[in-house]
Amino acid sequence: MVEWDGLARPGESARGGKIVVGAKEGDADKGFTYVLCCHDRKWYIGSTRNLQKRLEAHRMGRVKTTKHRRPVRLLYSEEHGSFHEARRRELFLKSGTGRDWLKQIVERCQSG
């Protein structure tokens, strides 16, 4: 089961796009960028082709970087037309400018 933390409602990303969980015909190259809040209060930023499977892997301890930082919860997600776009967005969110932007989004969503 996917947990949501106020920034994105089930079935939507915070940018308003629909999240399609599970690949359908023609969606093979679709990608997602996501942000997790870990138990140590730090964020994990990643990208994937299948958001539901990736979140389950994080929760089950099958991802080395978050295995010892569980539990994790989904803070933010975006759907992209291709995995390449999702990966580019992940790299942006990991930059200083991207982290500042993310902090503003999180603060805005938590305050109101």
Protein backbone atom coordinates (compact mmCIF):
# COMPACT_ATOMS: atom_id res chain seq x y z
CA MET A 1 0.00 0.00 0.00
CA VAL A 2 1.31 3.45 -0.91
CA GLU A 3 1.31 6.11 1.81
CA TRP A 4 0.79 9.72 0.82
CA ASP A 5 1.88 12.75 2.85
CA GLY A 6 -0.31 15.69 1.92
CA LEU A 7 1.87 16.81 -0.99
CA ALA A 8 0.26 14.47 -3.44
CA ARG A 9 -3.11 12.79 -3.21
CA PRO A 10 -3.51 9.18 -4.34
CA GLY A 11 -3.58 9.08 -8.11
CA GLU A 12 -2.05 12.57 -8.56
CA SER A 13 1.37 14.10 -8.34
CA ALA A 14 1.93 17.46 -6.69
CA ARG A 15 2.25 18.95 -10.18
CA GLY A 16 -1.29 17.81 -10.96
CA GLY A 17 -0.45 15.01 -13.38
CA LYS A 18 -1.98 11.59 -13.08
CA ILE A 19 0.22 8.87 -11.64
CA VAL A 20 -0.16 5.66 -13.60
CA VAL A 21 0.97 2.76 -11.45
CA GLY A 22 1.96 -0.30 -13.44
CA ALA A 23 2.97 -0.18 -17.07
CA LYS A 24 0.28 -0.36 -19.71
CA GLU A 25 0.67 -0.87 -23.41
CA GLY A 26 2.41 2.23 -24.79
CA ASP A 27 3.62 3.32 -21.33
CA ALA A 28 6.82 1.24 -21.36
CA ASP A 29 9.10 4.28 -21.34
CA LYS A 30 7.10 6.30 -18.78
CA GLY A 31 9.09 7.44 -15.77
CA PHE A 32 8.58 8.86 -12.30
CA THR A 33 10.62 11.10 -10.06
CA TYR A 34 9.93 10.77 -6.35
CA VAL A 35 11.05 12.03 -2.95
CA LEU A 36 10.91 9.93 0.20
CA CYS A 37 11.18 11.13 3.78
CA CYS A 38 13.22 8.60 5.74
CA HIS A 39 13.13 7.78 9.45
CA ASP A 40 16.26 9.90 10.00
CA ARG A 41 14.30 12.92 8.61
CA LYS A 42 16.52 13.06 5.50
CA TRP A 43 15.17 12.88 1.98
CA TYR A 44 15.86 10.27 -0.66
CA ILE A 45 15.36 11.46 -4.24
CA GLY A 46 15.03 8.88 -6.99
CA SER A 47 13.53 7.96 -10.34
CA THR A 48 11.93 4.76 -11.60
CA ARG A 49 9.80 3.26 -14.35
CA ASN A 50 7.37 1.64 -11.88
CA LEU A 51 6.62 3.77 -8.82
CA GLN A 52 4.57 1.20 -6.91
CA LYS A 53 7.22 -1.53 -7.24
CA ARG A 54 10.01 0.87 -6.27
CA LEU A 55 8.17 2.10 -3.16
CA GLU A 56 7.55 -1.49 -2.12
CA ALA A 57 11.26 -2.26 -2.57
CA HIS A 58 12.15 0.70 -0.33
CA ARG A 59 9.67 -0.43 2.33
CA MET A 60 10.87 -4.05 2.26
CA GLY A 61 14.52 -3.04 2.70
CA ARG A 62 15.63 -4.14 -0.77
CA VAL A 63 17.22 -0.75 -1.59
CA LYS A 64 20.70 -0.41 -0.11
CA THR A 65 20.57 3.35 0.47
CA THR A 66 17.29 3.31 2.41
CA LYS A 67 17.46 -0.14 4.00
CA HIS A 68 18.67 1.21 7.35
CA ARG A 69 16.61 4.42 7.13
CA ARG A 70 13.16 2.84 7.28
CA PRO A 71 10.32 3.50 7.59
CA VAL A 72 10.05 5.74 4.55
CA ARG A 73 7.08 7.71 3.28
CA LEU A 74 6.38 9.30 -0.06
CA LEU A 75 6.59 13.10 0.09
CA TYR A 76 6.40 14.02 -3.58
CA SER A 77 6.15 12.41 -7.01
CA GLU A 78 5.99 13.46 -10.64
CA GLU A 79 5.10 11.50 -13.77
CA HIS A 80 7.15 12.03 -16.93
CA GLY A 81 6.68 10.97 -20.53
CA SER A 82 9.95 9.03 -20.51
CA PHE A 83 12.38 7.56 -18.02
CA HIS A 84 15.07 9.83 -19.46
CA GLU A 85 13.00 12.91 -18.48
CA ALA A 86 12.42 11.47 -14.99
CA ARG A 87 16.16 10.89 -14.56
CA ARG A 88 16.96 14.46 -15.66
CA ARG A 89 14.42 15.78 -13.17
CA GLU A 90 15.95 13.62 -10.41
CA LEU A 91 19.36 15.13 -11.11
CA PHE A 92 17.86 18.64 -10.98
CA LEU A 93 16.15 17.93 -7.64
CA LYS A 94 19.49 16.73 -6.25
CA SER A 95 21.15 20.03 -7.21
CA GLY A 96 21.23 23.02 -4.87
CA THR A 97 18.59 24.87 -6.87
CA GLY A 98 16.39 21.76 -7.01
CA ARG A 99 16.65 21.15 -3.27
CA ASP A 100 15.74 24.78 -2.57
CA TRP A 101 12.71 24.44 -4.85
CA LEU A 102 11.67 21.21 -3.10
CA LYS A 103 11.99 22.82 0.33
CA GLN A 104 9.68 25.64 -0.76
CA ILE A 105 7.09 23.17 -2.06
CA VAL A 106 7.20 21.10 1.13
CA GLU A 107 6.93 24.17 3.39
CA ARG A 108 4.05 25.57 1.35
CA CYS A 109 2.14 22.28 1.45
CA GLN A 110 2.72 21.76 5.18
CA SER A 111 1.66 25.30 6.11
CA GLY A 112 -1.57 25.39 4.26
